[in-house]
């Protein structure tokens, strides 16, 4: 049996082509990349920093038949993981707020 687990901090609403929510996937965990902010100089008297990302925290090991919804940042950091999904085809309301997505991207 194939299953999808949400490892983002938010519920993921899947919408049909009309923009109606047809499924909600609640969070089951949270994956974050370790991050360190380091000084990178100064521009016109304003400090400038650079964020360096490390390994993910909270990501389960690969498990056949299980897919994990994560942030694009996490997915990009782990190109060899074929089990990571990200919200795709974002759906917005009339005010521009994200209400869901039409698909999950590999």
C-alpha atoms as a PDB file:
ATOM      1  CA  UNK A   1       0.000   0.000   0.000  1.00  0.00           C
ATOM      2  CA  UNK A   2       1.339   3.422  -0.979  1.00  0.00           C
ATOM      3  CA  UNK A   3       0.985   6.255   1.503  1.00  0.00           C
ATOM      4  CA  UNK A   4       1.779   9.964   1.680  1.00  0.00           C
ATOM      5  CA  UNK A   5       2.969  11.584   4.896  1.00  0.00           C
ATOM      6  CA  UNK A   6       3.155  15.327   5.398  1.00  0.00           C
ATOM      7  CA  UNK A   7       6.396  16.484   7.014  1.00  0.00           C
ATOM      8  CA  UNK A   8       5.750  20.231   6.660  1.00  0.00           C
ATOM      9  CA  UNK A   9       4.401  22.478   9.452  1.00  0.00           C
ATOM     10  CA  UNK A  10       1.103  23.043   7.585  1.00  0.00           C
ATOM     11  CA  UNK A  11      -1.825  20.958   6.398  1.00  0.00           C
ATOM     12  CA  UNK A  12      -1.587  20.417   2.638  1.00  0.00           C
ATOM     13  CA  UNK A  13      -4.891  20.963   0.806  1.00  0.00           C
ATOM     14  CA  UNK A  14      -5.210  19.196  -2.544  1.00  0.00           C
ATOM     15  CA  UNK A  15      -7.560  21.051  -4.920  1.00  0.00           C
ATOM     16  CA  UNK A  16      -9.357  19.995  -8.070  1.00  0.00           C
ATOM     17  CA  UNK A  17      -9.214  22.044 -11.276  1.00  0.00           C
ATOM     18  CA  UNK A  18     -12.088  24.216 -10.014  1.00  0.00           C
ATOM     19  CA  UNK A  19      -9.989  25.170  -6.969  1.00  0.00           C
ATOM     20  CA  UNK A  20     -12.121  23.178  -4.525  1.00  0.00           C
ATOM     21  CA  UNK A  21     -10.350  21.300  -1.738  1.00  0.00           C
ATOM     22  CA  UNK A  22     -10.807  17.557  -2.250  1.00  0.00           C
ATOM     23  CA  UNK A  23      -8.303  16.232   0.286  1.00  0.00           C
ATOM     24  CA  UNK A  24      -6.336  17.572   3.234  1.00  0.00           C
ATOM     25  CA  UNK A  25      -3.118  15.902   4.371  1.00  0.00           C
ATOM     26  CA  UNK A  26      -2.354  16.818   7.973  1.00  0.00           C
ATOM     27  CA  UNK A  27       1.233  17.142   9.256  1.00  0.00           C
ATOM     28  CA  UNK A  28       2.716  14.026  10.835  1.00  0.00           C
ATOM     29  CA  UNK A  29       6.189  15.308  11.482  1.00  0.00           C
ATOM     30  CA  UNK A  30       8.558  18.099  10.524  1.00  0.00           C
ATOM     31  CA  UNK A  31      11.731  18.085   8.452  1.00  0.00           C
ATOM     32  CA  UNK A  32      14.059  21.067   8.545  1.00  0.00           C
ATOM     33  CA  UNK A  33      17.549  21.655   7.268  1.00  0.00           C
ATOM     34  CA  UNK A  34      20.121  22.625   9.861  1.00  0.00           C
ATOM     35  CA  UNK A  35      21.000  26.259   9.181  1.00  0.00           C
ATOM     36  CA  UNK A  36      23.810  28.503  10.312  1.00  0.00           C
ATOM     37  CA  UNK A  37      23.935  32.240   9.629  1.00  0.00           C
ATOM     38  CA  UNK A  38      27.437  33.566   9.033  1.00  0.00           C
ATOM     39  CA  UNK A  39      28.634  37.133   8.525  1.00  0.00           C
ATOM     40  CA  UNK A  40      29.307  37.998   4.864  1.00  0.00           C
ATOM     41  CA  UNK A  41      30.351  41.621   5.146  1.00  0.00           C
ATOM     42  CA  UNK A  42      28.582  44.933   5.034  1.00  0.00           C
ATOM     43  CA  UNK A  43      26.794  46.963   2.367  1.00  0.00           C
ATOM     44  CA  UNK A  44      26.320  50.687   2.931  1.00  0.00           C
ATOM     45  CA  UNK A  45      26.648  50.247   6.686  1.00  0.00           C
ATOM     46  CA  UNK A  46      24.186  47.329   6.864  1.00  0.00           C
ATOM     47  CA  UNK A  47      25.451  43.905   7.979  1.00  0.00           C
ATOM     48  CA  UNK A  48      25.075  41.182   5.354  1.00  0.00           C
ATOM     49  CA  UNK A  49      24.886  37.507   6.232  1.00  0.00           C
ATOM     50  CA  UNK A  50      24.808  34.198   4.417  1.00  0.00           C
ATOM     51  CA  UNK A  51      22.792  31.165   5.468  1.00  0.00           C
ATOM     52  CA  UNK A  52      24.573  27.829   5.141  1.00  0.00           C
ATOM     53  CA  UNK A  53      22.354  24.780   5.128  1.00  0.00           C
ATOM     54  CA  UNK A  54      23.362  21.386   6.480  1.00  0.00           C
ATOM     55  CA  UNK A  55      21.747  18.004   6.794  1.00  0.00           C
ATOM     56  CA  UNK A  56      18.014  17.522   7.317  1.00  0.00           C
ATOM     57  CA  UNK A  57      16.611  16.939  10.785  1.00  0.00           C
ATOM     58  CA  UNK A  58      13.519  14.795  11.301  1.00  0.00           C
ATOM     59  CA  UNK A  59      13.444  13.012   7.943  1.00  0.00           C
ATOM     60  CA  UNK A  60      12.631   9.307   8.196  1.00  0.00           C
ATOM     61  CA  UNK A  61      14.733   6.807   6.304  1.00  0.00           C
ATOM     62  CA  UNK A  62      13.524   5.663   2.886  1.00  0.00           C
ATOM     63  CA  UNK A  63      10.639   3.204   3.204  1.00  0.00           C
ATOM     64  CA  UNK A  64       9.240   1.440   0.144  1.00  0.00           C
ATOM     65  CA  UNK A  65       5.714   2.648  -0.622  1.00  0.00           C
ATOM     66  CA  UNK A  66       5.920   5.774   1.561  1.00  0.00           C
ATOM     67  CA  UNK A  67       6.266   9.311   0.216  1.00  0.00           C
ATOM     68  CA  UNK A  68       7.006  12.385   2.316  1.00  0.00           C
ATOM     69  CA  UNK A  69       5.793  15.917   1.561  1.00  0.00           C
ATOM     70  CA  UNK A  70       8.604  18.322   2.443  1.00  0.00           C
ATOM     71  CA  UNK A  71       9.629  21.888   1.614  1.00  0.00           C
ATOM     72  CA  UNK A  72      11.274  22.645  -1.719  1.00  0.00           C
ATOM     73  CA  UNK A  73      14.439  23.554   0.197  1.00  0.00           C
ATOM     74  CA  UNK A  74      14.628  20.071   1.765  1.00  0.00           C
ATOM     75  CA  UNK A  75      13.846  18.335  -1.532  1.00  0.00           C
ATOM     76  CA  UNK A  76      16.507  20.361  -3.375  1.00  0.00           C
ATOM     77  CA  UNK A  77      19.097  19.446  -0.742  1.00  0.00           C
ATOM     78  CA  UNK A  78      18.431  15.723  -1.250  1.00  0.00           C
ATOM     79  CA  UNK A  79      18.218  15.079  -5.016  1.00  0.00           C
ATOM     80  CA  UNK A  80      18.908  11.355  -4.574  1.00  0.00           C
ATOM     81  CA  UNK A  81      15.732  10.795  -2.513  1.00  0.00           C
ATOM     82  CA  UNK A  82      12.959   9.624  -4.859  1.00  0.00           C
ATOM     83  CA  UNK A  83      10.390   9.558  -2.040  1.00  0.00           C
ATOM     84  CA  UNK A  84      10.184  13.324  -1.454  1.00  0.00           C
ATOM     85  CA  UNK A  85       7.248  15.369  -2.752  1.00  0.00           C
ATOM     86  CA  UNK A  86       6.522  19.102  -2.726  1.00  0.00           C
ATOM     87  CA  UNK A  87       3.272  21.028  -3.215  1.00  0.00           C
ATOM     88  CA  UNK A  88       2.933  21.972  -6.902  1.00  0.00           C
ATOM     89  CA  UNK A  89       0.495  23.965  -9.026  1.00  0.00           C
ATOM     90  CA  UNK A  90      -0.387  26.327  -6.192  1.00  0.00           C
ATOM     91  CA  UNK A  91      -4.020  27.498  -5.951  1.00  0.00           C
ATOM     92  CA  UNK A  92      -4.692  31.016  -4.634  1.00  0.00           C
ATOM     93  CA  UNK A  93      -7.859  32.767  -3.517  1.00  0.00           C
ATOM     94  CA  UNK A  94      -9.067  36.140  -4.834  1.00  0.00           C
ATOM     95  CA  UNK A  95      -6.707  37.931  -2.416  1.00  0.00           C
ATOM     96  CA  UNK A  96      -3.652  35.992  -3.554  1.00  0.00           C
ATOM     97  CA  UNK A  97      -3.458  33.778  -0.469  1.00  0.00           C
ATOM     98  CA  UNK A  98      -2.452  30.164  -1.020  1.00  0.00           C
ATOM     99  CA  UNK A  99      -5.379  27.810  -0.353  1.00  0.00           C
ATOM    100  CA  UNK A 100      -3.880  24.597  -1.667  1.00  0.00           C
ATOM    101  CA  UNK A 101      -2.234  22.885  -4.600  1.00  0.00           C
ATOM    102  CA  UNK A 102      -3.442  20.816  -7.537  1.00  0.00           C
ATOM    103  CA  UNK A 103      -0.637  18.264  -7.402  1.00  0.00           C
ATOM    104  CA  UNK A 104       2.455  17.052  -5.597  1.00  0.00           C
ATOM    105  CA  UNK A 105       5.770  17.385  -7.451  1.00  0.00           C
ATOM    106  CA  UNK A 106       8.502  14.774  -7.582  1.00  0.00           C
END
